[in-house]
Amino acid sequence: MNTNAITAKKSLVRVKEKIVMGLKVMDFIQHGTESSLEIVTPLGQRLNFKSNFIGFDEHQHIFFTMPLLSRAEYVEFFMEGFNVNIEGISEQGEGALVRFRTRIEHIIYKPINLLVFTVPQQAKLVLLRNETRYELQLQGNIQLSNRKLRVVLTNVSSGGCGYSYEAISPDFDIDQRIVLEVINSTNKNAYALSGIVRNGKKKLGKQTYGIVYDDPGQVNCRRLLSALMYDGTKYVFINPKQNHALAGL
């Protein structure tokens, strides 16, 4: 891998926890993802439920869907000013558990049900993965029984990778063996990332899966990483012309 990529790797500090401030917290929670919420009353009573993160605005508001609860629970726990602990999963980078405390600012029932919280001053990120995961957006293919499925390789690590595609079908089974082939359009080199499916989810018409490599998949992942460079936001294939031009400076 070139110098840019090596430098980017070394700059990733392996810490288990870190603090994120203000609106930056929202960058770590993907719209539409499910989070765990806990309302804490002034008397210390607690109510736990699931809700989907909708988004935020420039006025320091964050929005979540209203859960399906009993009328008694709404009366007892849904009061403006009550504290709320929120916990969600961030899929970025190494993956992290996002935890923060906020408070209920508005409870909206009409024209739609909506929970409005204030943006927290800070949040704690607890890293989940033991290996660095690198963000990508590379086109790939998975050979099915009757056709090739076009997918996007979204991230890679030394032990596995993630991919997604915008389609209702097909579905992949947990522990199903697949081969995700990525081809460098510049030199036509192919990288077969083989392994088994470990997890999957559907959201807004997009399917997302994660696989764990087998031995050949790990070898090809190392080959792939050696052909990539960091462009400031994600990893892309090294451009030989660009490297040649830089060498002449």
Protein backbone atom coordinates (compact mmCIF):
# COMPACT_ATOMS: atom_id res chain seq x y z
CA MET A 1 0.00 0.00 0.00
CA ASN A 2 1.28 3.49 -0.75
CA THR A 3 2.51 6.06 1.79
CA ASN A 4 -0.85 7.84 2.03
CA ALA A 5 -2.64 4.65 2.99
CA ILE A 6 0.02 3.64 5.53
CA THR A 7 -0.11 7.08 7.17
CA ALA A 8 -3.90 6.94 7.36
CA LYS A 9 -3.75 3.54 9.05
CA LYS A 10 -1.21 4.65 11.63
CA SER A 11 -3.28 7.71 12.45
CA LEU A 12 -6.18 5.54 13.65
CA VAL A 13 -5.73 5.46 17.41
CA ARG A 14 -6.94 2.23 18.95
CA VAL A 15 -8.96 3.42 21.93
CA LYS A 16 -12.02 1.71 23.36
CA GLU A 17 -13.90 4.88 24.29
CA LYS A 18 -13.99 8.46 23.14
CA ILE A 19 -16.17 11.54 23.65
CA VAL A 20 -17.97 13.36 20.81
CA MET A 21 -19.40 16.85 21.30
CA GLY A 22 -22.69 18.49 20.28
CA LEU A 23 -24.22 18.00 16.83
CA LYS A 24 -21.22 15.88 15.81
CA VAL A 25 -22.94 13.10 17.75
CA MET A 26 -25.60 12.88 15.05
CA ASP A 27 -23.00 11.94 12.43
CA PHE A 28 -22.60 8.58 14.14
CA ILE A 29 -26.25 7.51 14.04
CA GLN A 30 -27.65 6.55 10.67
CA HIS A 31 -31.14 7.80 9.82
CA GLY A 32 -33.79 5.12 10.26
CA THR A 33 -31.78 2.93 12.62
CA GLU A 34 -33.31 1.51 15.76
CA SER A 35 -32.06 2.73 19.13
CA SER A 36 -32.74 1.82 22.76
CA LEU A 37 -34.27 4.59 24.85
CA GLU A 38 -34.78 4.86 28.60
CA ILE A 39 -36.90 7.59 30.18
CA VAL A 40 -35.97 8.42 33.76
CA THR A 41 -38.53 10.31 35.87
CA PRO A 42 -37.52 12.73 38.65
CA LEU A 43 -38.50 9.97 41.13
CA GLY A 44 -36.12 7.52 39.49
CA GLN A 45 -38.72 5.39 37.69
CA ARG A 46 -37.53 4.02 34.37
CA LEU A 47 -39.19 3.01 31.10
CA ASN A 48 -37.25 1.20 28.36
CA PHE A 49 -38.38 0.99 24.74
CA LYS A 50 -37.17 0.93 21.13
CA SER A 51 -37.46 3.85 18.70
CA ASN A 52 -36.10 4.78 15.27
CA PHE A 53 -33.86 7.82 14.78
CA ILE A 54 -35.39 10.16 12.18
CA GLY A 55 -32.97 13.07 12.04
CA PHE A 56 -32.12 16.49 13.43
CA ASP A 57 -32.38 20.18 12.48
CA GLU A 58 -30.31 23.32 12.83
CA HIS A 59 -32.29 24.34 15.91
CA GLN A 60 -30.66 21.68 18.10
CA HIS A 61 -33.61 19.27 17.89
CA ILE A 62 -33.36 15.53 17.30
CA PHE A 63 -36.35 13.43 16.27
CA PHE A 64 -37.37 9.86 17.06
CA THR A 65 -40.46 7.81 16.25
CA MET A 66 -43.11 7.32 18.92
CA PRO A 67 -43.19 3.78 20.39
CA LEU A 68 -46.34 1.68 20.78
CA LEU A 69 -47.02 1.73 24.53
CA SER A 70 -50.00 1.72 26.88
CA ARG A 71 -51.91 4.90 27.70
CA ALA A 72 -50.78 4.59 31.34
CA GLU A 73 -47.14 4.54 30.29
CA TYR A 74 -47.60 7.65 28.16
CA VAL A 75 -49.26 9.47 31.06
CA GLU A 76 -46.57 8.47 33.57
CA PHE A 77 -43.37 8.79 31.54
CA PHE A 78 -43.90 11.11 28.58
CA MET A 79 -43.49 14.52 30.15
CA GLU A 80 -41.51 17.45 28.76
CA GLY A 81 -38.27 17.89 30.69
CA PHE A 82 -37.82 14.22 31.68
CA ASN A 83 -34.32 12.84 31.10
CA VAL A 84 -33.77 10.21 28.40
CA ASN A 85 -30.80 7.86 27.96
CA ILE A 86 -30.28 6.87 24.32
CA GLU A 87 -28.10 4.06 23.02
CA GLY A 88 -27.55 3.15 19.36
CA ILE A 89 -25.09 1.39 17.09
CA SER A 90 -22.82 3.29 14.73
CA GLU A 91 -21.66 1.36 11.66
CA GLN A 92 -18.91 3.83 10.82
CA GLY A 93 -15.22 2.97 10.98
CA GLU A 94 -14.55 0.45 13.71
CA GLY A 95 -18.17 0.38 14.79
CA ALA A 96 -19.28 1.78 18.11
CA LEU A 97 -22.00 1.87 20.71
CA VAL A 98 -23.25 5.48 20.90
CA ARG A 99 -24.53 6.55 24.33
CA PHE A 100 -25.82 9.93 25.42
CA ARG A 101 -28.31 11.61 27.74
CA THR A 102 -30.81 14.22 26.62
CA ARG A 103 -34.26 15.38 27.70
CA ILE A 104 -37.75 15.42 26.24
CA GLU A 105 -38.44 18.79 24.66
CA HIS A 106 -41.71 18.11 22.81
CA ILE A 107 -44.18 15.25 22.49
CA ILE A 108 -46.13 15.58 19.25
CA TYR A 109 -49.30 13.56 18.61
CA LYS A 110 -50.79 15.46 15.64
CA PRO A 111 -50.57 15.45 12.68
CA ILE A 112 -48.00 12.66 13.32
CA ASN A 113 -46.57 11.03 16.44
CA LEU A 114 -43.09 12.31 17.12
CA LEU A 115 -40.61 12.56 20.00
CA VAL A 116 -38.41 15.65 20.03
CA PHE A 117 -35.26 15.78 22.17
CA THR A 118 -32.56 18.38 22.64
CA VAL A 119 -29.17 17.68 21.05
CA PRO A 120 -26.86 16.35 23.81
CA GLN A 121 -23.80 18.30 24.85
CA GLN A 122 -21.71 15.18 24.38
CA ALA A 123 -21.88 11.44 23.75
CA LYS A 124 -19.68 8.47 24.53
CA LEU A 125 -18.56 6.12 21.75
CA VAL A 126 -17.61 2.62 22.91
CA LEU A 127 -15.69 0.83 20.15
CA LEU A 128 -17.00 -2.65 19.41
CA ARG A 129 -14.61 -4.19 16.91
CA ASN A 130 -11.16 -5.61 17.57
CA GLU A 131 -9.93 -4.69 14.11
CA THR A 132 -9.92 -1.51 12.07
CA ARG A 133 -12.62 -1.31 9.42
CA TYR A 134 -11.99 0.84 6.36
CA GLU A 135 -14.80 2.65 4.56
CA LEU A 136 -15.20 1.97 0.82
CA GLN A 137 -17.61 2.45 -2.06
CA LEU A 138 -16.38 -0.12 -4.60
CA GLN A 139 -18.55 -1.90 -7.14
CA GLY A 140 -18.62 -5.69 -6.91
CA ASN A 141 -20.50 -8.79 -8.04
CA ILE A 142 -21.82 -11.90 -6.35
CA GLN A 143 -22.49 -14.87 -8.63
CA LEU A 144 -25.96 -16.31 -8.02
CA SER A 145 -27.34 -19.48 -9.56
CA ASN A 146 -28.77 -17.67 -12.59
CA ARG A 147 -27.14 -14.23 -12.68
CA LYS A 148 -24.64 -11.86 -11.17
CA LEU A 149 -25.85 -9.53 -8.45
CA ARG A 150 -24.36 -6.04 -8.50
CA VAL A 151 -23.39 -4.91 -5.00
CA VAL A 152 -21.35 -2.19 -3.32
CA LEU A 153 -18.44 -3.17 -1.10
CA THR A 154 -18.94 -0.70 1.77
CA ASN A 155 -16.13 -1.62 4.19
CA VAL A 156 -13.30 -4.09 4.71
CA SER A 157 -11.24 -5.30 7.62
CA SER A 158 -8.65 -8.05 8.03
CA GLY A 159 -11.37 -10.50 9.07
CA GLY A 160 -14.39 -9.59 6.97
CA CYS A 161 -16.27 -7.03 4.92
CA GLY A 162 -19.66 -5.46 4.38
CA TYR A 163 -21.71 -5.03 1.23
CA SER A 164 -25.08 -3.63 0.26
CA TYR A 165 -27.47 -3.47 -2.68
CA GLU A 166 -30.73 -1.66 -3.41
CA ALA A 167 -33.13 -4.46 -4.11
CA ILE A 168 -35.85 -6.43 -2.35
CA SER A 169 -34.31 -9.75 -3.35
CA PRO A 170 -32.38 -11.97 -3.16
CA ASP A 171 -31.95 -12.71 0.52
CA PHE A 172 -28.78 -14.29 1.86
CA ASP A 173 -28.93 -16.82 4.69
CA ILE A 174 -26.74 -16.64 7.76
CA ASP A 175 -23.75 -19.00 7.30
CA GLN A 176 -24.28 -19.03 3.53
CA ARG A 177 -20.99 -19.14 1.62
CA ILE A 178 -20.52 -16.42 -0.99
CA VAL A 179 -17.79 -14.92 -3.15
CA LEU A 180 -17.82 -11.15 -3.63
CA GLU A 181 -15.66 -10.24 -6.62
CA VAL A 182 -14.22 -6.74 -6.96
CA ILE A 183 -12.48 -5.72 -10.20
CA ASN A 184 -10.11 -2.80 -10.61
CA SER A 185 -11.38 -1.10 -13.76
CA THR A 186 -7.94 0.39 -14.49
CA ASN A 187 -5.86 -2.79 -14.68
CA LYS A 188 -8.67 -5.42 -14.60
CA ASN A 189 -7.20 -7.15 -11.53
CA ALA A 190 -9.84 -9.19 -9.70
CA TYR A 191 -10.16 -9.77 -5.95
CA ALA A 192 -12.40 -12.62 -4.77
CA LEU A 193 -13.49 -11.94 -1.18
CA SER A 194 -14.86 -15.31 -0.16
CA GLY A 195 -16.44 -16.24 3.15
CA ILE A 196 -19.71 -16.83 4.95
CA VAL A 197 -22.55 -14.42 5.73
CA ARG A 198 -22.66 -13.50 9.43
CA ASN A 199 -25.34 -10.82 9.62
CA GLY A 200 -27.82 -8.90 7.51
CA LYS A 201 -30.51 -6.24 7.72
CA LYS A 202 -33.03 -4.45 5.52
CA LYS A 203 -33.78 -0.75 5.60
CA LEU A 204 -35.64 1.52 3.18
CA GLY A 205 -35.31 -0.92 0.28
CA LYS A 206 -31.58 -1.53 0.83
CA GLN A 207 -30.10 -4.82 1.97
CA THR A 208 -26.87 -4.78 3.99
CA TYR A 209 -24.80 -7.83 4.88
CA GLY A 210 -21.55 -8.64 6.60
CA ILE A 211 -19.31 -11.60 5.84
CA VAL A 212 -16.38 -13.27 7.59
CA TYR A 213 -13.56 -14.37 5.28
CA ASP A 214 -12.31 -17.88 4.79
CA ASP A 215 -8.55 -18.37 4.23
CA PRO A 216 -8.58 -17.50 0.48
CA GLY A 217 -10.78 -14.49 1.25
CA GLN A 218 -8.23 -13.17 3.76
CA VAL A 219 -5.43 -13.53 1.20
CA ASN A 220 -7.41 -11.65 -1.44
CA CYS A 221 -8.37 -8.96 1.07
CA ARG A 222 -4.67 -8.30 1.72
CA ARG A 223 -4.15 -8.06 -2.04
CA LEU A 224 -7.04 -5.63 -2.32
CA LEU A 225 -5.78 -3.42 0.51
CA SER A 226 -2.35 -3.22 -1.09
CA ALA A 227 -4.01 -1.77 -4.22
CA LEU A 228 -5.88 0.98 -2.37
CA MET A 229 -5.09 4.49 -1.25
CA TYR A 230 -6.88 6.88 1.10
CA ASP A 231 -8.42 9.90 -0.65
CA GLY A 232 -9.30 11.79 2.53
CA THR A 233 -12.75 10.25 3.09
CA LYS A 234 -12.54 6.63 1.94
CA TYR A 235 -10.28 4.08 0.26
CA VAL A 236 -10.10 3.96 -3.54
CA PHE A 237 -7.96 2.14 -6.07
CA ILE A 238 -4.51 3.62 -6.61
CA ASN A 239 -4.35 5.64 -9.82
CA PRO A 240 -1.01 4.82 -11.52
CA LYS A 241 -1.07 8.06 -13.54
CA GLN A 242 -1.62 10.12 -10.42
CA ASN A 243 1.19 8.36 -8.57
CA HIS A 244 3.54 8.89 -11.52
CA ALA A 245 2.71 12.60 -11.58
CA LEU A 246 3.33 12.92 -7.84
CA ALA A 247 6.67 11.13 -8.17
CA GLY A 248 7.81 13.79 -10.65
CA LEU A 249 7.21 16.67 -8.22
